[in-house]
């Protein structure tokens, strides 16, 4: 029995809604990654690429941080700092390895797990992409998504060619988001150097 047009429409809508609410997790691994003063380090690097999100540690925690839009805290990236243990090694071992080292050599290093509902809004997508870029700038290291783990930090963090996030166009997307348009629609996300620092490097 074939589905009616209405049933097909409902199935398609349900799939799209599920995709929007899906939480995207990626992992950045580095021996240079430490939670101390991480908020200020991240914020400085965000401002270097002309973004000004709120970066705050979750009260009472050592390594849990949220990067969010100042005017709408629902747009956010959750960051959890942890050690690479046997459980994480097992998960990473199942992914395609685009790296020279063996996955087991990462045991004991620090990892930042970044989580966001990236499909829910273009702001979330921008914040997640920018946070990945900032971690690459600060700590280099390894990157893992659902498919692969790789060690070319310039590539995975897209920290080349584009001086700010407004120019970034992700070459691996069929329809790359227009981050410039997202920033024009959300001016509170754009970092503006204070007037007394203008002209200074």
N, C-alpha and C. Protein backbone atom coordinates (compact mmCIF):
# COMPACT_ATOMS: atom_id res chain seq x y z
N UNK A 1 0.85 -1.19 0.00
CA UNK A 1 0.00 0.00 0.00
C UNK A 1 0.90 1.26 0.00
N UNK A 2 0.66 2.15 -0.95
CA UNK A 2 1.48 3.36 -1.04
C UNK A 2 0.95 4.45 -0.10
N UNK A 3 1.85 5.33 0.30
CA UNK A 3 1.48 6.42 1.21
C UNK A 3 0.78 7.54 0.45
N UNK A 4 -0.15 8.19 1.10
CA UNK A 4 -0.80 9.34 0.50
C UNK A 4 0.16 10.54 0.52
N UNK A 5 -0.18 11.59 -0.22
CA UNK A 5 0.65 12.80 -0.24
C UNK A 5 0.77 13.41 1.16
N UNK A 6 -0.32 13.38 1.90
CA UNK A 6 -0.33 13.95 3.25
C UNK A 6 0.58 13.15 4.18
N UNK A 7 0.53 11.82 4.06
CA UNK A 7 1.39 10.96 4.89
C UNK A 7 2.87 11.18 4.54
N UNK A 8 3.16 11.32 3.25
CA UNK A 8 4.53 11.59 2.83
C UNK A 8 5.01 12.94 3.35
N UNK A 9 4.12 13.94 3.31
CA UNK A 9 4.46 15.27 3.81
C UNK A 9 4.78 15.22 5.31
N UNK A 10 3.97 14.48 6.08
CA UNK A 10 4.18 14.36 7.52
C UNK A 10 5.50 13.64 7.83
N UNK A 11 5.81 12.59 7.06
CA UNK A 11 7.06 11.86 7.27
C UNK A 11 8.26 12.76 6.99
N UNK A 12 8.17 13.52 5.90
CA UNK A 12 9.26 14.43 5.53
C UNK A 12 9.45 15.50 6.59
N UNK A 13 8.35 16.06 7.09
CA UNK A 13 8.42 17.09 8.13
C UNK A 13 9.01 16.50 9.41
N UNK A 14 8.60 15.29 9.76
CA UNK A 14 9.12 14.64 10.96
C UNK A 14 10.61 14.40 10.88
N UNK A 15 11.08 14.02 9.68
CA UNK A 15 12.51 13.81 9.47
C UNK A 15 13.28 15.12 9.63
N UNK A 16 12.76 16.18 9.02
CA UNK A 16 13.42 17.49 9.10
C UNK A 16 13.46 18.00 10.54
N UNK A 17 12.36 17.81 11.27
CA UNK A 17 12.30 18.25 12.67
C UNK A 17 13.32 17.48 13.52
N UNK A 18 13.42 16.17 13.28
CA UNK A 18 14.37 15.35 14.03
C UNK A 18 15.80 15.78 13.73
N UNK A 19 16.07 16.12 12.47
CA UNK A 19 17.41 16.56 12.08
C UNK A 19 17.77 17.87 12.76
N UNK A 20 16.79 18.78 12.82
CA UNK A 20 17.04 20.08 13.46
C UNK A 20 17.39 19.93 14.93
N UNK A 21 16.74 19.00 15.60
CA UNK A 21 16.93 18.83 17.04
C UNK A 21 18.06 17.88 17.40
N UNK A 22 18.67 17.28 16.39
CA UNK A 22 19.77 16.36 16.64
C UNK A 22 20.98 17.12 17.19
N UNK A 23 21.61 16.55 18.19
CA UNK A 23 22.80 17.17 18.78
C UNK A 23 24.04 16.67 18.04
N UNK A 24 24.82 17.60 17.52
CA UNK A 24 26.06 17.26 16.82
C UNK A 24 27.20 17.29 17.83
N UNK A 25 27.94 16.20 17.92
CA UNK A 25 29.10 16.14 18.81
C UNK A 25 30.36 16.00 17.98
N UNK A 26 31.35 16.84 18.28
CA UNK A 26 32.68 16.69 17.70
C UNK A 26 33.70 16.75 18.83
N UNK A 27 34.88 16.25 18.56
CA UNK A 27 35.88 16.13 19.62
C UNK A 27 37.23 16.66 19.14
N UNK A 28 37.86 17.49 19.96
CA UNK A 28 39.19 18.02 19.66
C UNK A 28 40.15 17.52 20.73
N UNK A 29 41.27 16.93 20.32
CA UNK A 29 42.20 16.29 21.24
C UNK A 29 43.58 16.93 21.11
N UNK A 30 44.15 17.31 22.25
CA UNK A 30 45.46 17.96 22.20
C UNK A 30 46.17 17.84 23.53
N UNK A 31 47.50 17.69 23.48
CA UNK A 31 48.26 17.66 24.73
C UNK A 31 48.45 19.06 25.29
N UNK A 32 48.07 20.10 24.53
CA UNK A 32 48.19 21.49 25.00
C UNK A 32 46.90 22.01 25.62
N UNK A 33 45.85 21.20 25.57
CA UNK A 33 44.54 21.66 26.01
C UNK A 33 44.40 21.54 27.53
N UNK A 34 44.26 22.68 28.20
CA UNK A 34 44.05 22.68 29.65
C UNK A 34 42.88 23.59 29.97
N UNK A 35 42.07 23.22 30.98
CA UNK A 35 40.88 24.03 31.29
C UNK A 35 41.17 25.38 31.93
N UNK A 36 42.37 25.56 32.49
CA UNK A 36 42.68 26.80 33.21
C UNK A 36 42.63 28.01 32.26
N UNK A 37 41.89 29.05 32.69
CA UNK A 37 41.75 30.30 31.92
C UNK A 37 41.22 30.06 30.51
N UNK A 38 40.52 28.96 30.30
CA UNK A 38 40.07 28.63 28.95
C UNK A 38 39.07 29.65 28.42
N UNK A 39 38.20 30.17 29.28
CA UNK A 39 37.19 31.13 28.82
C UNK A 39 37.85 32.35 28.19
N UNK A 40 38.85 32.93 28.89
CA UNK A 40 39.49 34.15 28.37
C UNK A 40 40.29 33.85 27.10
N UNK A 41 40.93 32.68 27.04
CA UNK A 41 41.68 32.30 25.84
C UNK A 41 40.74 32.16 24.64
N UNK A 42 39.61 31.50 24.86
CA UNK A 42 38.64 31.34 23.77
C UNK A 42 38.11 32.69 23.32
N UNK A 43 37.72 33.53 24.28
CA UNK A 43 37.14 34.83 23.91
C UNK A 43 38.14 35.68 23.13
N UNK A 44 39.40 35.66 23.52
CA UNK A 44 40.42 36.42 22.78
C UNK A 44 40.53 35.96 21.34
N UNK A 45 40.46 34.63 21.14
CA UNK A 45 40.56 34.10 19.78
C UNK A 45 39.29 34.36 18.98
N UNK A 46 38.13 34.31 19.63
CA UNK A 46 36.88 34.69 18.93
C UNK A 46 36.99 36.13 18.43
N UNK A 47 37.48 37.00 19.28
CA UNK A 47 37.58 38.41 18.90
C UNK A 47 38.60 38.64 17.80
N UNK A 48 39.59 37.76 17.72
CA UNK A 48 40.58 37.85 16.64
C UNK A 48 39.96 37.56 15.29
N UNK A 49 38.86 36.79 15.26
CA UNK A 49 38.15 36.53 14.01
C UNK A 49 36.83 37.31 13.96
N UNK A 50 36.78 38.40 14.75
CA UNK A 50 35.70 39.39 14.73
C UNK A 50 34.35 38.85 15.21
N UNK A 51 34.39 37.95 16.18
CA UNK A 51 33.16 37.47 16.82
C UNK A 51 33.17 37.86 18.29
N UNK A 52 31.98 38.04 18.86
CA UNK A 52 31.89 38.42 20.27
C UNK A 52 30.77 37.64 20.98
N UNK A 53 30.91 36.32 21.09
CA UNK A 53 29.91 35.55 21.82
C UNK A 53 30.15 35.66 23.32
N UNK A 54 29.21 35.20 24.11
CA UNK A 54 29.42 35.07 25.55
C UNK A 54 30.12 33.73 25.78
N UNK A 55 31.18 33.74 26.55
CA UNK A 55 31.91 32.51 26.88
C UNK A 55 31.93 32.40 28.39
N UNK A 56 31.24 31.42 28.94
CA UNK A 56 31.14 31.34 30.40
C UNK A 56 31.24 29.90 30.89
N UNK A 57 31.90 29.77 32.03
CA UNK A 57 32.03 28.45 32.67
C UNK A 57 30.75 28.14 33.43
N UNK A 58 30.31 26.89 33.36
CA UNK A 58 29.13 26.48 34.12
C UNK A 58 29.51 26.45 35.59
N UNK A 59 28.71 27.12 36.41
CA UNK A 59 29.02 27.29 37.83
C UNK A 59 29.28 25.94 38.51
N UNK A 60 30.34 25.89 39.29
CA UNK A 60 30.66 24.70 40.07
C UNK A 60 31.38 23.61 39.31
N UNK A 61 31.77 23.88 38.07
CA UNK A 61 32.45 22.86 37.28
C UNK A 61 33.88 23.30 36.96
N UNK A 62 34.73 22.33 36.61
CA UNK A 62 36.10 22.61 36.25
C UNK A 62 36.27 22.78 34.75
N UNK A 63 35.62 21.93 33.98
CA UNK A 63 35.85 21.92 32.54
C UNK A 63 34.59 21.91 31.70
N UNK A 64 33.56 22.65 32.11
CA UNK A 64 32.33 22.73 31.32
C UNK A 64 32.04 24.19 31.02
N UNK A 65 32.01 24.51 29.74
CA UNK A 65 31.91 25.90 29.27
C UNK A 65 30.82 25.98 28.22
N UNK A 66 30.13 27.13 28.18
CA UNK A 66 29.13 27.38 27.16
C UNK A 66 29.52 28.61 26.35
N UNK A 67 29.49 28.47 25.03
CA UNK A 67 29.67 29.59 24.11
C UNK A 67 28.30 29.89 23.55
N UNK A 68 27.80 31.12 23.78
CA UNK A 68 26.43 31.41 23.36
C UNK A 68 26.31 32.82 22.79
N UNK A 69 25.22 33.04 22.08
CA UNK A 69 24.91 34.38 21.59
C UNK A 69 24.44 35.23 22.77
N UNK A 70 24.94 36.44 22.88
CA UNK A 70 24.62 37.28 24.04
C UNK A 70 23.13 37.60 24.12
N UNK A 71 22.50 37.82 22.97
CA UNK A 71 21.08 38.21 22.96
C UNK A 71 20.13 37.03 22.98
N UNK A 72 20.65 35.83 22.75
CA UNK A 72 19.79 34.64 22.73
C UNK A 72 20.61 33.44 23.17
N UNK A 73 20.55 33.14 24.47
CA UNK A 73 21.37 32.06 25.04
C UNK A 73 20.96 30.68 24.55
N UNK A 74 19.82 30.58 23.84
CA UNK A 74 19.41 29.30 23.27
C UNK A 74 20.34 28.88 22.14
N UNK A 75 20.98 29.85 21.51
CA UNK A 75 21.97 29.57 20.47
C UNK A 75 23.31 29.37 21.17
N UNK A 76 23.78 28.13 21.22
CA UNK A 76 24.96 27.85 22.05
C UNK A 76 25.71 26.61 21.60
N UNK A 77 26.94 26.53 22.10
CA UNK A 77 27.79 25.34 21.97
C UNK A 77 28.22 24.97 23.38
N UNK A 78 28.00 23.72 23.74
CA UNK A 78 28.41 23.23 25.06
C UNK A 78 29.76 22.54 24.91
N UNK A 79 30.69 22.87 25.79
CA UNK A 79 32.04 22.31 25.74
C UNK A 79 32.33 21.55 27.03
N UNK A 80 32.75 20.31 26.92
CA UNK A 80 33.15 19.53 28.10
C UNK A 80 34.60 19.07 27.89
N UNK A 81 35.45 19.41 28.85
CA UNK A 81 36.85 18.98 28.80
C UNK A 81 36.98 17.67 29.59
N UNK A 82 37.60 16.68 28.98
CA UNK A 82 37.78 15.38 29.62
C UNK A 82 39.10 14.77 29.17
N UNK A 83 39.47 13.67 29.78
CA UNK A 83 40.67 12.94 29.35
C UNK A 83 40.29 11.88 28.33
N UNK A 84 41.22 11.59 27.45
CA UNK A 84 41.01 10.50 26.50
C UNK A 84 41.25 9.19 27.25
N UNK A 85 40.16 8.44 27.48
CA UNK A 85 40.26 7.17 28.21
C UNK A 85 39.95 6.01 27.27
N UNK A 86 39.87 4.81 27.81
CA UNK A 86 39.62 3.61 26.99
C UNK A 86 38.29 3.71 26.24
N UNK A 87 37.28 4.27 26.91
CA UNK A 87 35.96 4.39 26.28
C UNK A 87 36.03 5.28 25.04
N UNK A 88 36.71 6.42 25.16
CA UNK A 88 36.83 7.32 24.02
C UNK A 88 37.72 6.74 22.93
N UNK A 89 38.79 6.06 23.33
CA UNK A 89 39.66 5.38 22.35
C UNK A 89 38.86 4.38 21.52
N UNK A 90 38.00 3.62 22.19
CA UNK A 90 37.17 2.63 21.48
C UNK A 90 36.25 3.29 20.47
N UNK A 91 35.64 4.42 20.86
CA UNK A 91 34.76 5.15 19.95
C UNK A 91 35.54 5.69 18.75
N UNK A 92 36.71 6.27 19.02
CA UNK A 92 37.52 6.86 17.95
C UNK A 92 38.08 5.81 17.00
N UNK A 93 38.34 4.62 17.52
CA UNK A 93 38.93 3.55 16.71
C UNK A 93 38.00 3.08 15.60
N UNK A 94 36.70 3.36 15.75
CA UNK A 94 35.73 2.91 14.75
C UNK A 94 35.60 3.90 13.59
N UNK A 95 36.28 5.04 13.69
CA UNK A 95 36.16 6.07 12.66
C UNK A 95 37.32 5.99 11.68
N UNK A 96 37.10 6.50 10.50
CA UNK A 96 38.17 6.52 9.50
C UNK A 96 39.35 7.33 10.04
N UNK A 97 40.55 6.80 9.86
CA UNK A 97 41.74 7.44 10.42
C UNK A 97 42.49 8.20 9.34
N UNK A 98 42.37 9.53 9.36
CA UNK A 98 43.10 10.38 8.43
C UNK A 98 44.24 11.03 9.20
N UNK A 99 45.12 10.21 9.73
CA UNK A 99 46.20 10.68 10.60
C UNK A 99 47.34 9.68 10.57
N UNK A 100 48.52 10.14 10.93
CA UNK A 100 49.70 9.26 10.92
C UNK A 100 49.77 8.39 12.17
N UNK A 101 49.44 8.95 13.32
CA UNK A 101 49.57 8.21 14.58
C UNK A 101 48.43 7.22 14.76
N UNK A 102 48.69 6.20 15.60
CA UNK A 102 47.65 5.26 15.96
C UNK A 102 46.74 5.91 17.01
N UNK A 103 45.45 5.59 16.97
CA UNK A 103 44.49 6.20 17.90
C UNK A 103 44.87 5.94 19.35
N UNK A 104 45.41 4.76 19.63
CA UNK A 104 45.76 4.42 21.01
C UNK A 104 46.83 5.35 21.59
N UNK A 105 47.60 6.02 20.72
CA UNK A 105 48.64 6.95 21.20
C UNK A 105 48.04 8.21 21.82
N UNK A 106 46.74 8.42 21.62
CA UNK A 106 46.07 9.61 22.17
C UNK A 106 45.65 9.42 23.62
N UNK A 107 45.79 8.20 24.12
CA UNK A 107 45.35 7.89 25.49
C UNK A 107 46.02 8.83 26.50
N UNK A 108 45.21 9.41 27.38
CA UNK A 108 45.72 10.29 28.42
C UNK A 108 45.77 11.76 28.04
N UNK A 109 45.63 12.09 26.75
CA UNK A 109 45.60 13.49 26.35
C UNK A 109 44.27 14.12 26.76
N UNK A 110 44.18 15.42 26.69
CA UNK A 110 42.93 16.12 26.99
C UNK A 110 42.07 16.21 25.74
N UNK A 111 40.76 16.18 25.94
CA UNK A 111 39.82 16.28 24.82
C UNK A 111 38.74 17.29 25.17
N UNK A 112 38.34 18.05 24.18
CA UNK A 112 37.19 18.95 24.30
C UNK A 112 36.08 18.38 23.45
N UNK A 113 34.96 18.03 24.08
CA UNK A 113 33.80 17.54 23.34
C UNK A 113 32.85 18.72 23.15
N UNK A 114 32.60 19.07 21.88
CA UNK A 114 31.75 20.20 21.54
C UNK A 114 30.40 19.67 21.09
N UNK A 115 29.33 20.18 21.70
CA UNK A 115 27.98 19.72 21.37
C UNK A 115 27.10 20.91 21.03
N UNK A 116 26.32 20.77 19.95
CA UNK A 116 25.41 21.85 19.55
C UNK A 116 24.31 21.32 18.65
N UNK A 117 23.16 21.97 18.70
CA UNK A 117 22.10 21.67 17.74
C UNK A 117 22.35 22.53 16.50
N UNK A 118 23.36 22.15 15.74
CA UNK A 118 23.85 22.99 14.65
C UNK A 118 22.80 23.22 13.57
N UNK A 119 21.89 22.26 13.36
CA UNK A 119 20.89 22.40 12.32
C UNK A 119 19.69 23.25 12.76
N UNK A 120 19.64 23.54 14.06
CA UNK A 120 18.48 24.25 14.60
C UNK A 120 18.44 25.70 14.13
N UNK A 121 19.61 26.32 14.01
CA UNK A 121 19.66 27.69 13.53
C UNK A 121 21.01 27.96 12.88
N UNK A 122 21.04 28.93 11.99
CA UNK A 122 22.31 29.29 11.34
C UNK A 122 23.28 29.89 12.34
N UNK A 123 22.75 30.50 13.42
CA UNK A 123 23.63 31.04 14.46
C UNK A 123 24.35 29.90 15.17
N UNK A 124 23.61 28.82 15.49
CA UNK A 124 24.25 27.65 16.11
C UNK A 124 25.33 27.08 15.20
N UNK A 125 25.03 27.01 13.92
CA UNK A 125 26.00 26.49 12.95
C UNK A 125 27.25 27.36 12.95
N UNK A 126 27.05 28.68 12.93
CA UNK A 126 28.18 29.61 12.96
C UNK A 126 28.99 29.45 14.24
N UNK A 127 28.32 29.39 15.39
CA UNK A 127 29.01 29.27 16.67
C UNK A 127 29.83 27.98 16.75
N UNK A 128 29.26 26.87 16.25
CA UNK A 128 30.00 25.60 16.28
C UNK A 128 31.22 25.67 15.36
N UNK A 129 31.03 26.17 14.15
CA UNK A 129 32.17 26.28 13.21
C UNK A 129 33.25 27.19 13.76
N UNK A 130 32.84 28.31 14.37
CA UNK A 130 33.81 29.25 14.93
C UNK A 130 34.54 28.66 16.13
N UNK A 131 33.83 27.91 16.95
CA UNK A 131 34.45 27.30 18.13
C UNK A 131 35.49 26.25 17.71
N UNK A 132 35.18 25.48 16.69
CA UNK A 132 36.15 24.51 16.15
C UNK A 132 37.38 25.25 15.64
N UNK A 133 37.16 26.35 14.92
CA UNK A 133 38.29 27.13 14.39
C UNK A 133 39.16 27.67 15.53
N UNK A 134 38.52 28.19 16.56
CA UNK A 134 39.25 28.77 17.70
C UNK A 134 40.06 27.71 18.44
N UNK A 135 39.50 26.52 18.64
CA UNK A 135 40.25 25.44 19.28
C UNK A 135 41.46 25.05 18.44
N UNK A 136 41.30 25.04 17.12
CA UNK A 136 42.43 24.73 16.24
C UNK A 136 43.54 25.76 16.38
N UNK A 137 43.15 27.03 16.42
CA UNK A 137 44.13 28.11 16.58
C UNK A 137 44.90 27.98 17.89
N UNK A 138 44.18 27.66 18.95
CA UNK A 138 44.80 27.61 20.27
C UNK A 138 45.62 26.34 20.52
N UNK A 139 45.08 25.18 20.09
CA UNK A 139 45.64 23.92 20.56
C UNK A 139 46.09 22.96 19.47
N UNK A 140 45.79 23.27 18.19
CA UNK A 140 46.15 22.37 17.08
C UNK A 140 45.58 20.98 17.38
N UNK A 141 46.37 19.92 17.31
CA UNK A 141 45.90 18.61 17.72
C UNK A 141 45.05 17.87 16.70
N UNK A 142 44.17 17.02 17.22
CA UNK A 142 43.37 16.09 16.42
C UNK A 142 41.90 16.49 16.49
N UNK A 143 41.17 16.13 15.44
CA UNK A 143 39.74 16.44 15.37
C UNK A 143 38.98 15.17 14.98
N UNK A 144 37.88 14.92 15.66
CA UNK A 144 37.05 13.76 15.32
C UNK A 144 35.59 14.20 15.19
N UNK A 145 34.97 13.80 14.08
CA UNK A 145 33.51 13.95 13.97
C UNK A 145 32.92 12.55 13.86
N UNK A 146 31.69 12.43 13.40
CA UNK A 146 31.04 11.12 13.38
C UNK A 146 31.68 10.15 12.40
N UNK A 147 32.41 10.69 11.40
CA UNK A 147 32.96 9.82 10.36
C UNK A 147 34.45 9.54 10.49
N UNK A 148 35.22 10.54 10.91
CA UNK A 148 36.68 10.39 10.80
C UNK A 148 37.40 11.11 11.92
N UNK A 149 38.68 10.78 12.06
CA UNK A 149 39.58 11.48 12.96
C UNK A 149 40.81 11.89 12.15
N UNK A 150 41.21 13.16 12.26
CA UNK A 150 42.32 13.64 11.45
C UNK A 150 43.20 14.60 12.25
N UNK A 151 44.41 14.84 11.73
CA UNK A 151 45.38 15.63 12.48
C UNK A 151 45.86 16.87 11.74
N UNK A 152 45.28 17.20 10.60
CA UNK A 152 45.65 18.40 9.86
C UNK A 152 44.84 19.58 10.41
N UNK A 153 45.36 20.23 11.46
CA UNK A 153 44.55 21.24 12.16
C UNK A 153 44.20 22.44 11.29
N UNK A 154 45.09 22.81 10.37
CA UNK A 154 44.77 23.93 9.48
C UNK A 154 43.52 23.62 8.65
N UNK A 155 43.40 22.37 8.25
CA UNK A 155 42.26 21.96 7.44
C UNK A 155 41.00 21.83 8.28
N UNK A 156 41.08 21.08 9.39
CA UNK A 156 39.83 20.85 10.13
C UNK A 156 39.30 22.09 10.82
N UNK A 157 40.20 23.03 11.15
CA UNK A 157 39.73 24.26 11.79
C UNK A 157 39.45 25.37 10.78
N UNK A 158 39.73 25.13 9.49
CA UNK A 158 39.55 26.12 8.43
C UNK A 158 40.24 27.42 8.76
N UNK A 159 41.40 27.36 9.39
CA UNK A 159 42.09 28.57 9.79
C UNK A 159 43.11 28.99 8.73
N UNK A 160 42.61 29.20 7.54
CA UNK A 160 43.46 29.65 6.45
C UNK A 160 42.59 30.45 5.47
N UNK A 161 43.22 31.31 4.74
CA UNK A 161 42.59 32.16 3.72
C UNK A 161 41.69 33.24 4.31
N UNK A 162 40.75 32.85 5.20
CA UNK A 162 39.73 33.80 5.66
C UNK A 162 40.14 34.46 6.98
N UNK A 163 40.27 35.78 7.03
CA UNK A 163 40.66 36.42 8.28
C UNK A 163 39.56 36.44 9.33
N UNK A 164 38.29 36.44 8.89
CA UNK A 164 37.18 36.45 9.85
C UNK A 164 36.16 35.39 9.44
N UNK A 165 35.23 35.10 10.35
CA UNK A 165 34.21 34.09 10.05
C UNK A 165 33.23 34.57 8.98
N UNK A 166 33.12 35.87 8.76
CA UNK A 166 32.19 36.39 7.76
C UNK A 166 32.54 35.90 6.35
N UNK A 167 33.84 35.60 6.12
CA UNK A 167 34.27 35.17 4.78
C UNK A 167 34.25 33.66 4.59
N UNK A 168 34.05 32.91 5.65
CA UNK A 168 34.17 31.45 5.55
C UNK A 168 33.06 30.85 4.70
N UNK A 169 33.45 29.99 3.78
CA UNK A 169 32.52 29.18 3.00
C UNK A 169 33.02 27.75 3.07
N UNK A 170 32.24 26.88 3.68
CA UNK A 170 32.72 25.51 3.89
C UNK A 170 32.64 24.72 2.59
N UNK A 171 33.78 24.33 2.08
CA UNK A 171 33.83 23.70 0.76
C UNK A 171 33.20 22.31 0.74
N UNK A 172 33.06 21.67 1.92
CA UNK A 172 32.51 20.32 1.93
C UNK A 172 30.99 20.32 2.00
N UNK A 173 30.35 21.48 2.11
CA UNK A 173 28.88 21.54 2.15
C UNK A 173 28.31 21.69 0.75
N UNK A 174 27.22 20.96 0.49
CA UNK A 174 26.50 21.17 -0.76
C UNK A 174 25.95 22.59 -0.81
N UNK A 175 25.41 23.04 0.33
CA UNK A 175 24.92 24.41 0.45
C UNK A 175 25.55 25.02 1.70
N UNK A 176 26.69 25.64 1.52
CA UNK A 176 27.39 26.23 2.65
C UNK A 176 26.62 27.43 3.18
N UNK A 177 26.50 27.55 4.50
CA UNK A 177 25.80 28.71 5.07
C UNK A 177 26.52 30.01 4.71
N UNK A 178 25.77 31.07 4.53
CA UNK A 178 26.35 32.38 4.29
C UNK A 178 26.55 33.04 5.65
N UNK A 179 27.74 32.82 6.24
CA UNK A 179 27.99 33.34 7.58
C UNK A 179 28.01 34.87 7.60
N UNK A 180 28.40 35.49 6.49
CA UNK A 180 28.36 36.94 6.41
C UNK A 180 26.94 37.46 6.60
N UNK A 181 25.97 36.80 5.95
CA UNK A 181 24.56 37.19 6.09
C UNK A 181 24.06 36.93 7.51
N UNK A 182 24.51 35.82 8.11
CA UNK A 182 24.12 35.50 9.49
C UNK A 182 24.59 36.61 10.44
N UNK A 183 25.82 37.08 10.24
CA UNK A 183 26.37 38.13 11.10
C UNK A 183 25.69 39.47 10.86
N UNK A 184 25.31 39.74 9.62
CA UNK A 184 24.57 40.99 9.35
C UNK A 184 23.21 40.97 10.04
N UNK A 185 22.61 39.78 10.14
CA UNK A 185 21.31 39.65 10.80
C UNK A 185 21.42 39.59 12.32
N UNK A 186 22.64 39.35 12.82
CA UNK A 186 22.87 39.22 14.25
C UNK A 186 24.08 40.09 14.64
N UNK A 187 23.92 41.42 14.59
CA UNK A 187 25.07 42.30 14.81
C UNK A 187 25.68 42.19 16.21
N UNK A 188 24.92 41.65 17.16
CA UNK A 188 25.49 41.49 18.52
C UNK A 188 26.59 40.43 18.56
N UNK A 189 26.67 39.61 17.51
CA UNK A 189 27.73 38.59 17.44
C UNK A 189 29.05 39.14 16.92
N UNK A 190 29.01 40.35 16.37
CA UNK A 190 30.20 40.92 15.73
C UNK A 190 31.01 41.71 16.76
N UNK A 191 32.31 41.40 16.84
CA UNK A 191 33.17 42.13 17.78
C UNK A 191 33.61 43.45 17.17
N UNK A 192 33.40 44.51 17.92
CA UNK A 192 33.85 45.84 17.50
C UNK A 192 34.89 46.31 18.52
N UNK A 193 36.08 46.61 18.05
CA UNK A 193 37.15 47.05 18.94
C UNK A 193 36.74 48.35 19.63
N UNK A 194 36.93 48.44 20.96
CA UNK A 194 36.59 49.68 21.67
C UNK A 194 37.29 50.88 21.05
N UNK A 195 36.63 52.04 21.10
CA UNK A 195 37.16 53.23 20.41
C UNK A 195 38.56 53.61 20.89
N UNK A 196 38.85 53.36 22.18
CA UNK A 196 40.16 53.76 22.69
C UNK A 196 41.29 52.82 22.24
N UNK A 197 40.90 51.70 21.59
CA UNK A 197 41.92 50.78 21.05
C UNK A 197 42.05 50.87 19.55
N UNK A 198 41.22 51.70 18.93
CA UNK A 198 41.26 51.82 17.47
C UNK A 198 42.63 52.36 17.05
N UNK A 199 43.17 51.77 16.01
CA UNK A 199 44.49 52.18 15.53
C UNK A 199 45.63 51.47 16.21
N UNK A 200 45.31 50.71 17.29
CA UNK A 200 46.36 49.97 17.96
C UNK A 200 46.33 48.52 17.52
N UNK A 201 47.49 47.86 17.49
CA UNK A 201 47.54 46.46 17.06
C UNK A 201 47.29 45.57 18.26
